[in-house]
Amino acid sequence: MKRIRRLLLWVILPLVALVAVAVVVVSSMISSALTPDSVAARIEAERNCRVQIGSIDHSLLGGEPVIRDLRTVARDAHADSGTPLA
């Protein structure tokens, strides 16, 4: 019994803590990479259109990111000057 406690204390608990820290770090990295502006810029570059994104919801454990309020229109003079879509 004493050996199991020692194993739990010195091996398993630090591993659980390490996994928790890794989840927080990866989640933070995903949050900083998936901003509406950065995703909109990538879509604009690939599709040559104006893009405006309201928000992006994502979960590290829950699957795919969800883009809300996605607006796309053809490129025009206002797009090149940076005017929002309204």
N, C-alpha and C. Protein backbone atom coordinates (compact mmCIF):
# COMPACT_ATOMS: atom_id res chain seq x y z
N MET A 1 0.83 -1.19 0.00
CA MET A 1 0.00 0.00 0.00
C MET A 1 0.87 1.25 0.00
N LYS A 2 1.95 1.19 0.74
CA LYS A 2 2.85 2.33 0.81
C LYS A 2 3.51 2.58 -0.56
N ARG A 3 3.78 1.51 -1.25
CA ARG A 3 4.41 1.60 -2.56
C ARG A 3 3.47 2.24 -3.59
N ILE A 4 2.20 1.93 -3.51
CA ILE A 4 1.20 2.50 -4.42
C ILE A 4 1.08 4.01 -4.17
N ARG A 5 1.07 4.41 -2.93
CA ARG A 5 1.00 5.84 -2.61
C ARG A 5 2.23 6.57 -3.14
N ARG A 6 3.37 5.98 -2.97
CA ARG A 6 4.60 6.60 -3.46
C ARG A 6 4.56 6.71 -4.99
N LEU A 7 4.10 5.66 -5.65
CA LEU A 7 3.96 5.69 -7.10
C LEU A 7 2.99 6.79 -7.53
N LEU A 8 1.88 6.86 -6.86
CA LEU A 8 0.88 7.87 -7.17
C LEU A 8 1.43 9.27 -6.97
N LEU A 9 2.12 9.47 -5.90
CA LEU A 9 2.63 10.79 -5.56
C LEU A 9 3.75 11.25 -6.47
N TRP A 10 4.64 10.38 -6.85
CA TRP A 10 5.84 10.79 -7.58
C TRP A 10 5.79 10.55 -9.09
N VAL A 11 4.85 9.77 -9.57
CA VAL A 11 4.80 9.48 -11.00
C VAL A 11 3.50 9.96 -11.64
N ILE A 12 2.40 9.50 -11.11
CA ILE A 12 1.12 9.77 -11.76
C ILE A 12 0.68 11.21 -11.61
N LEU A 13 0.78 11.79 -10.43
CA LEU A 13 0.35 13.18 -10.24
C LEU A 13 1.17 14.17 -11.08
N PRO A 14 2.49 14.05 -11.15
CA PRO A 14 3.22 14.95 -12.05
C PRO A 14 2.84 14.78 -13.52
N LEU A 15 2.54 13.56 -13.94
CA LEU A 15 2.10 13.35 -15.31
C LEU A 15 0.76 14.02 -15.59
N VAL A 16 -0.15 13.94 -14.65
CA VAL A 16 -1.45 14.59 -14.79
C VAL A 16 -1.26 16.11 -14.85
N ALA A 17 -0.39 16.64 -14.00
CA ALA A 17 -0.11 18.07 -14.01
C ALA A 17 0.52 18.49 -15.33
N LEU A 18 1.42 17.69 -15.86
CA LEU A 18 2.07 17.99 -17.13
C LEU A 18 1.05 18.01 -18.28
N VAL A 19 0.15 17.08 -18.29
CA VAL A 19 -0.89 17.03 -19.32
C VAL A 19 -1.80 18.26 -19.20
N ALA A 20 -2.16 18.66 -17.99
CA ALA A 20 -3.00 19.84 -17.79
C ALA A 20 -2.30 21.10 -18.31
N VAL A 21 -1.03 21.23 -18.03
CA VAL A 21 -0.28 22.40 -18.52
C VAL A 21 -0.20 22.37 -20.04
N ALA A 22 0.01 21.20 -20.63
CA ALA A 22 0.07 21.08 -22.08
C ALA A 22 -1.25 21.48 -22.73
N VAL A 23 -2.36 21.09 -22.13
CA VAL A 23 -3.68 21.46 -22.65
C VAL A 23 -3.85 22.97 -22.64
N VAL A 24 -3.46 23.61 -21.56
CA VAL A 24 -3.58 25.07 -21.45
C VAL A 24 -2.69 25.76 -22.50
N VAL A 25 -1.48 25.29 -22.68
CA VAL A 25 -0.56 25.90 -23.64
C VAL A 25 -1.08 25.73 -25.07
N VAL A 26 -1.51 24.55 -25.42
CA VAL A 26 -2.02 24.31 -26.78
C VAL A 26 -3.28 25.12 -27.03
N SER A 27 -4.16 25.19 -26.06
CA SER A 27 -5.38 25.98 -26.20
C SER A 27 -5.05 27.46 -26.41
N SER A 28 -4.07 27.95 -25.68
CA SER A 28 -3.65 29.34 -25.84
C SER A 28 -3.06 29.58 -27.22
N MET A 29 -2.28 28.64 -27.72
CA MET A 29 -1.69 28.78 -29.05
C MET A 29 -2.78 28.78 -30.13
N ILE A 30 -3.78 27.93 -29.97
CA ILE A 30 -4.87 27.88 -30.93
C ILE A 30 -5.66 29.18 -30.90
N SER A 31 -5.91 29.70 -29.70
CA SER A 31 -6.67 30.95 -29.57
C SER A 31 -5.96 32.10 -30.25
N SER A 32 -4.64 32.16 -30.12
CA SER A 32 -3.91 33.26 -30.74
C SER A 32 -3.81 33.10 -32.25
N ALA A 33 -3.85 31.89 -32.75
CA ALA A 33 -3.74 31.67 -34.20
C ALA A 33 -5.08 31.81 -34.91
N LEU A 34 -6.17 31.54 -34.23
CA LEU A 34 -7.49 31.58 -34.85
C LEU A 34 -8.25 32.85 -34.49
N THR A 35 -7.71 34.00 -34.84
CA THR A 35 -8.43 35.25 -34.63
C THR A 35 -9.26 35.53 -35.88
N PRO A 36 -10.38 36.23 -35.73
CA PRO A 36 -11.19 36.53 -36.92
C PRO A 36 -10.41 37.27 -38.01
N ASP A 37 -9.52 38.19 -37.63
CA ASP A 37 -8.76 38.94 -38.62
C ASP A 37 -7.79 38.05 -39.39
N SER A 38 -7.11 37.15 -38.69
CA SER A 38 -6.14 36.30 -39.38
C SER A 38 -6.83 35.30 -40.30
N VAL A 39 -7.96 34.75 -39.87
CA VAL A 39 -8.69 33.81 -40.72
C VAL A 39 -9.28 34.53 -41.92
N ALA A 40 -9.82 35.73 -41.69
CA ALA A 40 -10.38 36.51 -42.80
C ALA A 40 -9.29 36.85 -43.83
N ALA A 41 -8.11 37.20 -43.36
CA ALA A 41 -7.01 37.52 -44.28
C ALA A 41 -6.63 36.31 -45.13
N ARG A 42 -6.61 35.14 -44.52
CA ARG A 42 -6.28 33.93 -45.28
C ARG A 42 -7.34 33.62 -46.33
N ILE A 43 -8.62 33.77 -45.95
CA ILE A 43 -9.70 33.50 -46.91
C ILE A 43 -9.67 34.52 -48.04
N GLU A 44 -9.44 35.81 -47.70
CA GLU A 44 -9.36 36.84 -48.72
C GLU A 44 -8.24 36.56 -49.72
N ALA A 45 -7.10 36.13 -49.22
CA ALA A 45 -5.97 35.85 -50.10
C ALA A 45 -6.24 34.65 -51.01
N GLU A 46 -6.91 33.64 -50.48
CA GLU A 46 -7.17 32.43 -51.28
C GLU A 46 -8.30 32.62 -52.29
N ARG A 47 -9.34 33.37 -51.90
CA ARG A 47 -10.54 33.47 -52.73
C ARG A 47 -10.66 34.81 -53.47
N ASN A 48 -9.77 35.77 -53.18
CA ASN A 48 -9.80 37.09 -53.78
C ASN A 48 -11.17 37.75 -53.63
N CYS A 49 -11.65 37.82 -52.40
CA CYS A 49 -12.91 38.46 -52.10
C CYS A 49 -12.79 39.17 -50.75
N ARG A 50 -13.79 39.99 -50.42
CA ARG A 50 -13.82 40.63 -49.12
C ARG A 50 -14.45 39.66 -48.12
N VAL A 51 -13.88 39.59 -46.93
CA VAL A 51 -14.39 38.68 -45.90
C VAL A 51 -14.44 39.42 -44.58
N GLN A 52 -15.55 39.24 -43.87
CA GLN A 52 -15.67 39.75 -42.51
C GLN A 52 -16.22 38.63 -41.64
N ILE A 53 -15.58 38.41 -40.50
CA ILE A 53 -15.97 37.34 -39.59
C ILE A 53 -16.36 37.96 -38.25
N GLY A 54 -17.53 37.58 -37.73
CA GLY A 54 -17.98 38.08 -36.45
C GLY A 54 -17.20 37.48 -35.30
N SER A 55 -17.14 36.16 -35.23
CA SER A 55 -16.41 35.48 -34.16
C SER A 55 -16.06 34.06 -34.58
N ILE A 56 -15.09 33.51 -33.86
CA ILE A 56 -14.71 32.12 -34.07
C ILE A 56 -14.75 31.42 -32.73
N ASP A 57 -15.53 30.36 -32.64
CA ASP A 57 -15.61 29.56 -31.42
C ASP A 57 -14.87 28.26 -31.65
N HIS A 58 -14.01 27.92 -30.69
CA HIS A 58 -13.28 26.67 -30.81
C HIS A 58 -13.06 26.08 -29.43
N SER A 59 -12.92 24.79 -29.42
CA SER A 59 -12.67 24.07 -28.18
C SER A 59 -11.60 23.03 -28.44
N LEU A 60 -10.65 22.95 -27.55
CA LEU A 60 -9.57 21.99 -27.73
C LEU A 60 -10.11 20.56 -27.67
N LEU A 61 -11.09 20.32 -26.82
CA LEU A 61 -11.61 18.97 -26.65
C LEU A 61 -12.88 18.71 -27.46
N GLY A 62 -13.48 19.78 -28.03
CA GLY A 62 -14.79 19.63 -28.63
C GLY A 62 -14.85 19.52 -30.14
N GLY A 63 -13.75 19.48 -30.82
CA GLY A 63 -13.81 19.28 -32.26
C GLY A 63 -13.44 20.49 -33.07
N GLU A 64 -14.23 20.77 -34.11
CA GLU A 64 -13.89 21.76 -35.11
C GLU A 64 -14.25 23.18 -34.67
N PRO A 65 -13.50 24.16 -35.17
CA PRO A 65 -13.86 25.55 -34.91
C PRO A 65 -15.12 25.94 -35.68
N VAL A 66 -15.88 26.88 -35.13
CA VAL A 66 -17.11 27.35 -35.75
C VAL A 66 -16.96 28.84 -36.04
N ILE A 67 -17.17 29.23 -37.30
CA ILE A 67 -17.11 30.64 -37.69
C ILE A 67 -18.52 31.19 -37.70
N ARG A 68 -18.74 32.29 -36.98
CA ARG A 68 -20.06 32.91 -36.91
C ARG A 68 -20.04 34.24 -37.65
N ASP A 69 -21.16 34.58 -38.25
CA ASP A 69 -21.34 35.85 -38.97
C ASP A 69 -20.28 36.03 -40.05
N LEU A 70 -20.17 35.07 -40.94
CA LEU A 70 -19.24 35.14 -42.05
C LEU A 70 -19.91 35.88 -43.20
N ARG A 71 -19.26 36.95 -43.66
CA ARG A 71 -19.77 37.73 -44.79
C ARG A 71 -18.69 37.75 -45.87
N THR A 72 -19.10 37.45 -47.09
CA THR A 72 -18.17 37.54 -48.22
C THR A 72 -18.85 38.30 -49.34
N VAL A 73 -18.10 39.17 -50.00
CA VAL A 73 -18.59 39.90 -51.17
C VAL A 73 -17.43 40.01 -52.16
N ALA A 74 -17.79 40.37 -53.38
CA ALA A 74 -16.76 40.53 -54.42
C ALA A 74 -15.84 41.68 -54.07
N ARG A 75 -14.63 41.61 -54.51
CA ARG A 75 -13.63 42.63 -54.24
C ARG A 75 -13.96 43.90 -55.03
N ASP A 76 -13.76 45.08 -54.40
CA ASP A 76 -14.02 46.35 -55.06
C ASP A 76 -13.05 47.40 -54.52
N ALA A 77 -13.24 48.65 -54.89
CA ALA A 77 -12.34 49.72 -54.45
C ALA A 77 -12.39 49.92 -52.94
N HIS A 78 -13.56 49.71 -52.35
CA HIS A 78 -13.69 49.86 -50.89
C HIS A 78 -12.90 48.79 -50.16
N ALA A 79 -12.82 47.62 -50.73
CA ALA A 79 -12.05 46.53 -50.09
C ALA A 79 -10.57 46.88 -50.04
N ASP A 80 -10.08 47.46 -51.10
CA ASP A 80 -8.66 47.81 -51.14
C ASP A 80 -8.33 48.96 -50.17
N SER A 81 -9.31 49.80 -49.86
CA SER A 81 -9.06 50.90 -48.91
C SER A 81 -9.28 50.47 -47.46
N GLY A 82 -9.85 49.29 -47.24
CA GLY A 82 -10.02 48.77 -45.88
C GLY A 82 -11.33 49.14 -45.23
N THR A 83 -12.34 49.57 -46.00
CA THR A 83 -13.63 49.94 -45.45
C THR A 83 -14.37 48.68 -44.97
N PRO A 84 -14.91 48.68 -43.73
CA PRO A 84 -15.65 47.50 -43.24
C PRO A 84 -16.90 47.24 -44.07
N LEU A 85 -17.41 46.02 -44.00
CA LEU A 85 -18.60 45.66 -44.77
C LEU A 85 -19.90 46.24 -44.23
N ALA A 86 -19.90 46.79 -43.06
CA ALA A 86 -21.06 47.42 -42.41
C ALA A 86 -21.72 46.43 -41.56
